Structures are given as structure tokens and as C-alpha cells.
Amino acid sequence: MALAQEAISLDLDKQLSLEQRTFLYMPFMHSESKLIHEFALKLFQRLNNPLNLDYEKQHKAIIDRFGRYPHRNAILARSSTAEELEFLTQPNSRF
């Protein structure tokens, strides 16, 4: 994440191909920070790739709803709420 943030702050991402920028932006999409997702949304909007933007919106919606990715709870030894457990039974609830 730190390297991606630094590259963006130096405008190095603007020198990259679409595929390379998409890869560079992935840590933002997978963050559990609402603030970082606000920034990620802007990054993915700039890519002008509807598929990647849609994935970011899906990830952001989970963070907006739960403040974290419920599918990570078990591996991180976090307790899940009843709402999270119900969510995890739904299609496309895990990435």
C-alpha cells in the first residue's frame, strides 16, 4: 500500500499502461478503510474501465456496510456478527 501511495503521489501511475495502473490500484480496493475506498473510487473512475470500477464499488459497499470484509474474519480470528454470517451465505459475498 505504501509503495502504491508513493507512486501515485509522484504521478508515476500516469506513466503506466492501463493494466499496470489497475494492478497498482489493487491495494486500495482491498483495504478495509472507508477513507481509502473514497480515494480508490476516484482512482478507478479515472481508469475509465467500467468492469474495474464496478468491482471497486462492490468492495466499497461491503466496507461501507460492515467496516471490514467479513470473509476475512475467520483467518484474522475475528468474531462475525449475525449480519455478517448471513451476508456470507449470499452469492458473490466473497472475493
N, C-alpha and C. Protein backbone atom coordinates (compact mmCIF):
# COMPACT_ATOMS: atom_id res chain seq x y z
N MET A 1 0.83 -1.18 0.00
CA MET A 1 0.00 0.00 0.00
C MET A 1 0.87 1.24 0.00
N ALA A 2 1.90 1.26 0.84
CA ALA A 2 2.75 2.45 0.93
C ALA A 2 3.43 2.75 -0.40
N LEU A 3 3.89 1.73 -1.08
CA LEU A 3 4.54 1.95 -2.38
C LEU A 3 3.55 2.45 -3.42
N ALA A 4 2.34 1.93 -3.39
CA ALA A 4 1.31 2.40 -4.33
C ALA A 4 0.96 3.85 -4.04
N GLN A 5 0.83 4.20 -2.77
CA GLN A 5 0.54 5.58 -2.40
C GLN A 5 1.65 6.52 -2.85
N GLU A 6 2.89 6.08 -2.66
CA GLU A 6 4.02 6.92 -3.07
C GLU A 6 4.04 7.10 -4.59
N ALA A 7 3.83 6.02 -5.32
CA ALA A 7 3.83 6.10 -6.78
C ALA A 7 2.76 7.08 -7.27
N ILE A 8 1.61 7.03 -6.66
CA ILE A 8 0.52 7.92 -7.06
C ILE A 8 0.83 9.36 -6.68
N SER A 9 1.40 9.56 -5.49
CA SER A 9 1.73 10.93 -5.06
C SER A 9 2.78 11.56 -5.97
N LEU A 10 3.61 10.74 -6.59
CA LEU A 10 4.63 11.23 -7.52
C LEU A 10 4.14 11.22 -8.97
N ASP A 11 2.87 10.92 -9.17
CA ASP A 11 2.26 10.83 -10.50
C ASP A 11 2.90 9.78 -11.40
N LEU A 12 3.55 8.81 -10.80
CA LEU A 12 4.18 7.75 -11.59
C LEU A 12 3.14 6.85 -12.24
N ASP A 13 1.96 6.77 -11.64
CA ASP A 13 0.92 5.92 -12.22
C ASP A 13 0.49 6.41 -13.60
N LYS A 14 0.65 7.69 -13.85
CA LYS A 14 0.24 8.25 -15.14
C LYS A 14 1.15 7.81 -16.28
N GLN A 15 2.30 7.23 -15.94
CA GLN A 15 3.23 6.73 -16.94
C GLN A 15 2.99 5.26 -17.27
N LEU A 16 2.06 4.64 -16.57
CA LEU A 16 1.83 3.21 -16.70
C LEU A 16 0.70 2.91 -17.68
N SER A 17 0.72 1.69 -18.19
CA SER A 17 -0.38 1.22 -19.04
C SER A 17 -1.62 1.00 -18.18
N LEU A 18 -2.75 0.81 -18.82
CA LEU A 18 -4.00 0.55 -18.11
C LEU A 18 -3.87 -0.66 -17.20
N GLU A 19 -3.29 -1.72 -17.70
CA GLU A 19 -3.13 -2.95 -16.91
C GLU A 19 -2.23 -2.71 -15.71
N GLN A 20 -1.15 -1.97 -15.91
CA GLN A 20 -0.22 -1.69 -14.81
C GLN A 20 -0.87 -0.80 -13.75
N ARG A 21 -1.62 0.20 -14.18
CA ARG A 21 -2.31 1.07 -13.21
C ARG A 21 -3.36 0.28 -12.44
N THR A 22 -4.07 -0.58 -13.13
CA THR A 22 -5.07 -1.42 -12.45
C THR A 22 -4.40 -2.24 -11.36
N PHE A 23 -3.27 -2.83 -11.67
CA PHE A 23 -2.53 -3.62 -10.67
C PHE A 23 -2.06 -2.73 -9.52
N LEU A 24 -1.55 -1.56 -9.83
CA LEU A 24 -1.06 -0.63 -8.81
C LEU A 24 -2.18 -0.22 -7.86
N TYR A 25 -3.39 -0.10 -8.35
CA TYR A 25 -4.51 0.37 -7.54
C TYR A 25 -5.16 -0.73 -6.70
N MET A 26 -4.82 -1.99 -6.94
CA MET A 26 -5.46 -3.09 -6.22
C MET A 26 -5.37 -3.00 -4.69
N PRO A 27 -4.25 -2.58 -4.11
CA PRO A 27 -4.22 -2.49 -2.65
C PRO A 27 -5.30 -1.56 -2.08
N PHE A 28 -5.67 -0.53 -2.83
CA PHE A 28 -6.70 0.39 -2.37
C PHE A 28 -8.06 -0.32 -2.35
N MET A 29 -8.32 -1.12 -3.37
CA MET A 29 -9.58 -1.86 -3.45
C MET A 29 -9.71 -2.85 -2.31
N HIS A 30 -8.60 -3.39 -1.85
CA HIS A 30 -8.65 -4.44 -0.83
C HIS A 30 -8.42 -3.94 0.58
N SER A 31 -8.35 -2.64 0.75
CA SER A 31 -8.22 -2.04 2.08
C SER A 31 -9.54 -2.15 2.84
N GLU A 32 -9.45 -2.14 4.16
CA GLU A 32 -10.65 -2.11 5.00
C GLU A 32 -10.91 -0.70 5.54
N SER A 33 -10.33 0.30 4.92
CA SER A 33 -10.51 1.69 5.34
C SER A 33 -11.53 2.39 4.44
N LYS A 34 -12.54 3.00 5.06
CA LYS A 34 -13.53 3.75 4.28
C LYS A 34 -12.87 4.92 3.56
N LEU A 35 -11.95 5.58 4.23
CA LEU A 35 -11.25 6.72 3.63
C LEU A 35 -10.48 6.30 2.39
N ILE A 36 -9.79 5.20 2.48
CA ILE A 36 -9.02 4.71 1.33
C ILE A 36 -9.96 4.32 0.19
N HIS A 37 -11.13 3.78 0.52
CA HIS A 37 -12.08 3.44 -0.55
C HIS A 37 -12.64 4.67 -1.24
N GLU A 38 -12.77 5.77 -0.54
CA GLU A 38 -13.19 7.02 -1.20
C GLU A 38 -12.15 7.42 -2.25
N PHE A 39 -10.88 7.28 -1.88
CA PHE A 39 -9.79 7.58 -2.81
C PHE A 39 -9.76 6.55 -3.95
N ALA A 40 -9.95 5.28 -3.61
CA ALA A 40 -9.93 4.21 -4.61
C ALA A 40 -11.01 4.42 -5.66
N LEU A 41 -12.16 4.87 -5.23
CA LEU A 41 -13.25 5.11 -6.17
C LEU A 41 -12.83 6.13 -7.23
N LYS A 42 -12.14 7.17 -6.80
CA LYS A 42 -11.65 8.18 -7.74
C LYS A 42 -10.60 7.60 -8.68
N LEU A 43 -9.71 6.77 -8.13
CA LEU A 43 -8.67 6.15 -8.96
C LEU A 43 -9.30 5.29 -10.05
N PHE A 44 -10.25 4.45 -9.67
CA PHE A 44 -10.86 3.55 -10.63
C PHE A 44 -11.77 4.28 -11.61
N GLN A 45 -12.33 5.40 -11.21
CA GLN A 45 -13.10 6.22 -12.15
C GLN A 45 -12.18 6.78 -13.23
N ARG A 46 -10.98 7.16 -12.84
CA ARG A 46 -10.01 7.71 -13.81
C ARG A 46 -9.56 6.68 -14.83
N LEU A 47 -9.61 5.40 -14.47
CA LEU A 47 -9.19 4.36 -15.40
C LEU A 47 -10.14 4.24 -16.59
N ASN A 48 -11.36 4.67 -16.39
CA ASN A 48 -12.37 4.59 -17.45
C ASN A 48 -12.57 3.15 -17.92
N ASN A 49 -12.59 2.24 -16.95
CA ASN A 49 -12.83 0.82 -17.22
C ASN A 49 -14.03 0.41 -16.36
N PRO A 50 -15.20 0.28 -16.95
CA PRO A 50 -16.41 0.00 -16.17
C PRO A 50 -16.34 -1.25 -15.31
N LEU A 51 -15.67 -2.29 -15.78
CA LEU A 51 -15.59 -3.52 -15.01
C LEU A 51 -14.81 -3.31 -13.72
N ASN A 52 -13.65 -2.68 -13.81
CA ASN A 52 -12.85 -2.42 -12.61
C ASN A 52 -13.57 -1.47 -11.67
N LEU A 53 -14.23 -0.47 -12.21
CA LEU A 53 -14.98 0.47 -11.39
C LEU A 53 -16.11 -0.25 -10.66
N ASP A 54 -16.78 -1.16 -11.34
CA ASP A 54 -17.85 -1.93 -10.70
C ASP A 54 -17.31 -2.77 -9.55
N TYR A 55 -16.16 -3.41 -9.75
CA TYR A 55 -15.56 -4.20 -8.67
C TYR A 55 -15.22 -3.31 -7.48
N GLU A 56 -14.70 -2.13 -7.73
CA GLU A 56 -14.39 -1.22 -6.62
C GLU A 56 -15.67 -0.83 -5.89
N LYS A 57 -16.72 -0.56 -6.62
CA LYS A 57 -18.00 -0.20 -5.98
C LYS A 57 -18.52 -1.35 -5.13
N GLN A 58 -18.37 -2.58 -5.60
CA GLN A 58 -18.79 -3.75 -4.81
C GLN A 58 -17.98 -3.87 -3.53
N HIS A 59 -16.67 -3.70 -3.64
CA HIS A 59 -15.81 -3.77 -2.46
C HIS A 59 -16.16 -2.65 -1.48
N LYS A 60 -16.32 -1.44 -2.00
CA LYS A 60 -16.64 -0.29 -1.16
C LYS A 60 -17.96 -0.48 -0.43
N ALA A 61 -18.95 -1.06 -1.10
CA ALA A 61 -20.25 -1.29 -0.48
C ALA A 61 -20.14 -2.20 0.74
N ILE A 62 -19.27 -3.19 0.66
CA ILE A 62 -19.06 -4.09 1.80
C ILE A 62 -18.41 -3.32 2.95
N ILE A 63 -17.41 -2.52 2.65
CA ILE A 63 -16.74 -1.74 3.70
C ILE A 63 -17.71 -0.71 4.27
N ASP A 64 -18.50 -0.07 3.44
CA ASP A 64 -19.49 0.89 3.93
C ASP A 64 -20.50 0.22 4.86
N ARG A 65 -20.85 -1.00 4.55
CA ARG A 65 -21.86 -1.72 5.34
C ARG A 65 -21.30 -2.29 6.64
N PHE A 66 -20.12 -2.92 6.56
CA PHE A 66 -19.58 -3.64 7.72
C PHE A 66 -18.34 -3.01 8.34
N GLY A 67 -17.67 -2.15 7.60
CA GLY A 67 -16.42 -1.57 8.10
C GLY A 67 -15.23 -2.52 7.97
N ARG A 68 -15.48 -3.65 7.33
CA ARG A 68 -14.44 -4.67 7.12
C ARG A 68 -14.97 -5.69 6.13
N TYR A 69 -14.09 -6.59 5.72
CA TYR A 69 -14.51 -7.68 4.84
C TYR A 69 -14.84 -8.89 5.71
N PRO A 70 -16.11 -9.25 5.82
CA PRO A 70 -16.47 -10.38 6.67
C PRO A 70 -15.80 -11.70 6.30
N HIS A 71 -15.47 -11.89 5.03
CA HIS A 71 -14.83 -13.16 4.64
C HIS A 71 -13.42 -13.29 5.20
N ARG A 72 -12.87 -12.22 5.75
CA ARG A 72 -11.54 -12.29 6.37
C ARG A 72 -11.62 -12.62 7.86
N ASN A 73 -12.80 -12.60 8.43
CA ASN A 73 -12.92 -12.73 9.88
C ASN A 73 -12.28 -14.00 10.41
N ALA A 74 -12.57 -15.13 9.82
CA ALA A 74 -12.04 -16.40 10.33
C ALA A 74 -10.52 -16.43 10.30
N ILE A 75 -9.92 -16.05 9.18
CA ILE A 75 -8.46 -16.10 9.06
C ILE A 75 -7.78 -15.10 9.98
N LEU A 76 -8.48 -14.01 10.32
CA LEU A 76 -7.92 -12.99 11.21
C LEU A 76 -8.37 -13.18 12.65
N ALA A 77 -9.03 -14.30 12.93
CA ALA A 77 -9.51 -14.63 14.28
C ALA A 77 -10.43 -13.54 14.84
N ARG A 78 -11.28 -13.00 13.96
CA ARG A 78 -12.27 -12.01 14.38
C ARG A 78 -13.62 -12.69 14.49
N SER A 79 -14.40 -12.26 15.45
CA SER A 79 -15.77 -12.76 15.57
C SER A 79 -16.63 -12.12 14.50
N SER A 80 -17.57 -12.89 13.99
CA SER A 80 -18.50 -12.39 12.98
C SER A 80 -19.83 -12.08 13.64
N THR A 81 -20.47 -11.02 13.17
CA THR A 81 -21.81 -10.70 13.64
C THR A 81 -22.81 -11.58 12.91
N ALA A 82 -24.03 -11.62 13.42
CA ALA A 82 -25.08 -12.39 12.75
C ALA A 82 -25.32 -11.84 11.34
N GLU A 83 -25.27 -10.53 11.20
CA GLU A 83 -25.48 -9.91 9.89
C GLU A 83 -24.36 -10.31 8.92
N GLU A 84 -23.13 -10.36 9.41
CA GLU A 84 -22.01 -10.78 8.55
C GLU A 84 -22.16 -12.24 8.13
N LEU A 85 -22.54 -13.10 9.07
CA LEU A 85 -22.72 -14.51 8.75
C LEU A 85 -23.82 -14.70 7.71
N GLU A 86 -24.89 -13.96 7.84
CA GLU A 86 -25.97 -14.02 6.84
C GLU A 86 -25.46 -13.54 5.49
N PHE A 87 -24.72 -12.45 5.49
CA PHE A 87 -24.15 -11.91 4.25
C PHE A 87 -23.28 -12.95 3.55
N LEU A 88 -22.48 -13.68 4.31
CA LEU A 88 -21.56 -14.65 3.73
C LEU A 88 -22.27 -15.84 3.09
N THR A 89 -23.55 -16.01 3.36
CA THR A 89 -24.30 -17.09 2.71
C THR A 89 -24.81 -16.67 1.34
N GLN A 90 -24.69 -15.40 1.01
CA GLN A 90 -25.20 -14.87 -0.25
C GLN A 90 -24.19 -15.09 -1.38
N PRO A 91 -24.69 -15.25 -2.60
CA PRO A 91 -23.77 -15.35 -3.75
C PRO A 91 -22.92 -14.09 -3.87
N ASN A 92 -21.71 -14.26 -4.32
CA ASN A 92 -20.77 -13.15 -4.56
C ASN A 92 -20.43 -12.35 -3.31
N SER A 93 -20.49 -12.98 -2.15
CA SER A 93 -20.15 -12.27 -0.91
C SER A 93 -18.66 -12.36 -0.60
N ARG A 94 -17.95 -13.16 -1.35
CA ARG A 94 -16.50 -13.34 -1.14
C ARG A 94 -15.77 -13.02 -2.44
N PHE A 95 -14.59 -12.48 -2.29
CA PHE A 95 -13.81 -12.15 -3.49
C PHE A 95 -12.63 -13.07 -3.60
